[in-house]
Amino acid sequence: MIEPGTRFDRLVVIELAEKRRRPSRPTKGWYFLYRCKCDCGTIKVIEESSLKNKHARSCGCLKKELYGTQSKTHGMWTTKTWKAWSSMKDRCSIRDHRDQKYYGGKGIKVCDRWKNSFENFLEDMGERPDGYSLDRIDPDGDYTPENCRWASAKKQANNRTNNRIVEFNNERKTLSEWADSVGLKYTTLRARLSNGWGIEKALTTKLSLKHSHVRN
């Protein structure tokens, strides 16, 4: 049950409107419809699952604004760049987003310049290149023009806060970076270290021509 007064984006629950049994799935029991008031003033009855899954974020006015305004101002609301901007905001602001604990839940925010303006984001970042996605240079920092770049999946993997950093010959690199520099597969290097190899042996031992698997 959802308590009256609970907010889902632009919608605020007023009361339980109806309780129904699912005819096609009787074993699932009942489902609930709630009377909600949108910030624009419209009253609409919406199913509980649509509210909780964020499928319903307004009475319909939000979609009209996004589709209408975005297409009129820049015509890019279907592009990968616009989707990157939208996903960035959702991760930081939607409380039950699947990745919220890694972003908004950790206090990571979108800067005021970008929060409500795709045009500003586009001006600062440019269009998203193919094969790249939005990356924060400091993974603990906010989404700001100074802290963001378009990066490949590999570069982003090397920038994760949970990466293992290894020091050898006074150089500090991630395992992936070390593997690249010595011509090994990342999985081979990781397996060697997991099997108790020292870092020097793991990095300098060449693979056998006959046996590419890890040996002790």
Protein backbone atom coordinates (compact mmCIF):
# COMPACT_ATOMS: atom_id res chain seq x y z
CA MET A 1 0.00 0.00 0.00
CA ILE A 2 1.10 3.55 -0.73
CA GLU A 3 0.49 6.23 1.87
CA PRO A 4 -1.40 9.38 0.81
CA GLY A 5 1.01 12.24 0.27
CA THR A 6 3.75 10.04 -1.19
CA ARG A 7 5.41 11.74 -4.16
CA PHE A 8 6.51 10.03 -7.37
CA ASP A 9 8.28 12.68 -9.46
CA ARG A 10 5.46 15.08 -10.44
CA LEU A 11 2.70 12.91 -8.96
CA VAL A 12 1.41 12.99 -5.38
CA VAL A 13 -0.87 10.18 -4.16
CA ILE A 14 -4.21 11.45 -2.87
CA GLU A 15 -5.97 8.21 -1.96
CA LEU A 16 -6.62 4.60 -2.91
CA ALA A 17 -9.07 4.72 -5.81
CA GLU A 18 -9.77 1.06 -6.50
CA LYS A 19 -8.72 -2.48 -5.66
CA ARG A 20 -8.94 -5.08 -8.43
CA ARG A 21 -8.23 -8.75 -8.90
CA ARG A 22 -6.06 -9.71 -11.88
CA PRO A 23 -8.31 -11.80 -14.20
CA SER A 24 -5.40 -13.19 -16.21
CA ARG A 25 -3.21 -13.98 -13.19
CA PRO A 26 -5.47 -14.88 -10.28
CA THR A 27 -2.58 -16.32 -8.29
CA LYS A 28 -1.05 -12.84 -8.13
CA GLY A 29 -4.06 -11.63 -6.16
CA TRP A 30 -5.08 -8.01 -6.02
CA TYR A 31 -3.58 -4.87 -7.46
CA PHE A 32 -4.26 -1.26 -6.54
CA LEU A 33 -5.13 1.93 -8.38
CA TYR A 34 -4.40 5.30 -6.79
CA ARG A 35 -5.88 8.71 -7.40
CA CYS A 36 -2.95 11.08 -7.90
CA LYS A 37 -2.54 14.79 -8.41
CA CYS A 38 0.06 16.02 -10.87
CA ASP A 39 2.02 19.20 -10.23
CA CYS A 40 0.21 20.72 -13.23
CA GLY A 41 -3.09 20.25 -11.36
CA THR A 42 -4.45 17.25 -13.29
CA ILE A 43 -6.03 14.39 -11.30
CA LYS A 44 -5.38 10.92 -12.71
CA VAL A 45 -5.89 7.31 -11.53
CA ILE A 46 -2.70 5.27 -11.89
CA GLU A 47 -1.75 1.67 -11.11
CA GLU A 48 0.60 1.09 -8.17
CA SER A 49 3.26 -0.73 -10.22
CA SER A 50 3.47 2.16 -12.70
CA LEU A 51 4.19 4.55 -9.86
CA LYS A 52 6.79 2.37 -8.18
CA ASN A 53 8.56 1.45 -11.43
CA LYS A 54 8.67 5.12 -12.51
CA HIS A 55 6.71 4.32 -15.65
CA ALA A 56 4.31 7.06 -14.59
CA ARG A 57 6.15 10.25 -13.66
CA SER A 58 3.35 12.71 -14.43
CA CYS A 59 -0.17 12.84 -15.83
CA GLY A 60 1.43 12.92 -19.28
CA CYS A 61 2.55 16.53 -19.25
CA LEU A 62 6.21 15.66 -18.66
CA LYS A 63 6.42 13.57 -21.84
CA LYS A 64 4.77 16.35 -23.82
CA GLU A 65 7.28 18.84 -22.46
CA LEU A 66 10.26 16.61 -23.18
CA TYR A 67 9.14 15.63 -26.66
CA GLY A 68 7.85 19.06 -27.57
CA THR A 69 10.40 21.36 -25.97
CA GLN A 70 13.44 19.22 -26.67
CA SER A 71 12.56 18.73 -30.33
CA LYS A 72 11.83 22.44 -30.77
CA THR A 73 14.99 23.68 -29.05
CA HIS A 74 17.59 21.27 -30.36
CA GLY A 75 15.92 18.28 -32.02
CA MET A 76 18.21 15.86 -30.18
CA TRP A 77 15.96 14.16 -27.64
CA THR A 78 16.34 10.77 -29.41
CA THR A 79 20.15 10.96 -29.67
CA LYS A 80 22.75 9.17 -27.56
CA THR A 81 23.95 12.52 -26.24
CA TRP A 82 20.53 13.44 -24.88
CA LYS A 83 20.09 9.95 -23.40
CA ALA A 84 23.47 10.26 -21.64
CA TRP A 85 22.35 13.57 -20.12
CA SER A 86 18.99 12.16 -19.05
CA SER A 87 20.54 8.98 -17.56
CA MET A 88 23.09 11.06 -15.66
CA LYS A 89 20.30 13.01 -13.96
CA ASP A 90 18.22 9.91 -13.22
CA ARG A 91 21.14 8.12 -11.49
CA CYS A 92 21.61 11.05 -9.17
CA SER A 93 18.02 12.08 -8.47
CA ILE A 94 15.64 9.12 -8.71
CA ARG A 95 15.60 7.47 -5.31
CA ASP A 96 14.79 3.93 -6.48
CA HIS A 97 16.91 3.96 -9.64
CA ARG A 98 18.82 0.67 -9.93
CA ASP A 99 22.19 2.50 -9.79
CA GLN A 100 21.19 5.22 -7.32
CA LYS A 101 23.31 3.80 -4.49
CA TYR A 102 26.44 4.35 -6.56
CA TYR A 103 25.57 7.94 -7.46
CA GLY A 104 22.91 9.97 -5.63
CA GLY A 105 23.16 7.59 -2.70
CA LYS A 106 26.85 8.50 -2.37
CA GLY A 107 26.11 12.20 -2.53
CA ILE A 108 27.12 12.63 -6.18
CA LYS A 109 25.17 15.46 -7.83
CA VAL A 110 24.66 17.07 -11.22
CA CYS A 111 25.88 20.67 -11.31
CA ASP A 112 23.30 23.47 -11.56
CA ARG A 113 24.49 24.39 -15.06
CA TRP A 114 23.54 20.95 -16.41
CA LYS A 115 20.68 19.91 -14.15
CA ASN A 116 17.92 21.63 -16.08
CA SER A 117 19.61 22.46 -19.37
CA PHE A 118 20.54 19.96 -22.03
CA GLU A 119 21.75 22.87 -24.16
CA ASN A 120 24.40 23.75 -21.56
CA PHE A 121 25.48 20.11 -21.33
CA LEU A 122 25.77 19.91 -25.12
CA GLU A 123 27.72 23.17 -25.27
CA ASP A 124 30.23 21.96 -22.66
CA MET A 125 30.60 18.32 -23.71
CA GLY A 126 29.82 18.26 -27.41
CA GLU A 127 28.07 15.29 -29.00
CA ARG A 128 28.78 11.81 -27.68
CA PRO A 129 31.28 9.98 -29.94
CA ASP A 130 30.42 6.46 -31.09
CA GLY A 131 31.61 3.85 -28.61
CA TYR A 132 32.05 6.38 -25.81
CA SER A 133 30.01 7.22 -22.72
CA LEU A 134 29.97 9.88 -20.01
CA ASP A 135 32.75 9.45 -17.44
CA ARG A 136 33.77 11.40 -14.33
CA ILE A 137 37.53 11.98 -14.11
CA ASP A 138 37.33 11.92 -10.32
CA PRO A 139 34.94 8.99 -9.68
CA ASP A 140 34.01 10.48 -6.30
CA GLY A 141 33.28 13.92 -7.76
CA ASP A 142 30.09 15.47 -9.11
CA TYR A 143 28.94 15.75 -12.70
CA THR A 144 30.48 19.08 -13.74
CA PRO A 145 32.13 20.37 -16.95
CA GLU A 146 35.54 20.21 -15.27
CA ASN A 147 35.10 16.63 -14.04
CA CYS A 148 33.50 14.96 -17.06
CA ARG A 149 34.67 13.59 -20.41
CA TRP A 150 33.54 11.19 -23.10
CA ALA A 151 35.50 7.98 -22.48
CA SER A 152 35.75 4.48 -23.90
CA ALA A 153 34.62 1.52 -21.82
CA LYS A 154 38.26 0.58 -21.25
CA LYS A 155 39.21 4.00 -19.94
CA GLN A 156 36.17 4.00 -17.66
CA ALA A 157 37.10 0.57 -16.32
CA ASN A 158 40.55 1.90 -15.40
CA ASN A 159 38.90 4.83 -13.61
CA ARG A 160 36.66 2.83 -11.27
CA THR A 161 37.07 3.38 -7.54
CA ASN A 162 37.30 -0.37 -6.88
CA ASN A 163 40.16 -0.98 -9.32
CA ARG A 164 43.22 -2.71 -7.96
CA ILE A 165 46.28 -0.45 -8.18
CA VAL A 166 49.65 -2.22 -8.40
CA GLU A 167 53.07 -0.63 -7.97
CA PHE A 168 56.12 -1.99 -9.80
CA ASN A 169 59.42 -0.27 -10.61
CA ASN A 170 58.11 2.92 -8.99
CA GLU A 171 55.08 3.01 -11.33
CA ARG A 172 51.46 2.75 -10.20
CA LYS A 173 48.90 1.33 -12.64
CA THR A 174 45.68 -0.66 -12.65
CA LEU A 175 45.92 -4.35 -13.50
CA SER A 176 44.36 -3.63 -16.88
CA GLU A 177 46.96 -0.97 -17.64
CA TRP A 178 49.83 -3.27 -16.55
CA ALA A 179 48.46 -6.08 -18.71
CA ASP A 180 48.41 -3.79 -21.74
CA SER A 181 51.92 -2.49 -21.12
CA VAL A 182 53.52 -5.96 -20.92
CA GLY A 183 51.38 -7.63 -23.58
CA LEU A 184 49.35 -9.96 -21.35
CA LYS A 185 45.64 -10.56 -21.14
CA TYR A 186 44.07 -8.97 -18.08
CA THR A 187 42.56 -12.32 -17.04
CA THR A 188 46.00 -13.98 -17.22
CA LEU A 189 47.63 -11.34 -15.04
CA ARG A 190 44.81 -11.44 -12.51
CA ALA A 191 44.96 -15.26 -12.36
CA ARG A 192 48.72 -15.21 -11.81
CA LEU A 193 48.40 -12.86 -8.86
CA SER A 194 45.47 -14.84 -7.46
CA ASN A 195 47.64 -17.98 -7.62
CA GLY A 196 50.28 -16.35 -5.44
CA TRP A 197 52.72 -15.08 -8.04
CA GLY A 198 54.75 -12.04 -7.07
CA ILE A 199 54.14 -8.93 -9.13
CA GLU A 200 57.58 -9.04 -10.85
CA LYS A 201 57.18 -12.68 -11.90
CA ALA A 202 53.57 -12.10 -12.98
CA LEU A 203 54.52 -9.16 -15.20
CA THR A 204 57.79 -10.45 -16.68
CA THR A 205 57.08 -14.15 -17.31
CA LYS A 206 56.20 -14.68 -20.94
CA LEU A 207 53.48 -17.09 -21.98
CA SER A 208 54.61 -20.50 -23.23
CA LEU A 209 53.97 -21.07 -26.91
CA LYS A 210 52.44 -24.44 -26.08
CA HIS A 211 50.66 -23.57 -22.86
CA SER A 212 48.86 -20.28 -22.46
CA HIS A 213 47.25 -21.21 -19.13
CA VAL A 214 48.59 -20.05 -15.77
CA ARG A 215 51.05 -22.25 -13.90
CA ASN A 216 52.50 -21.99 -10.44
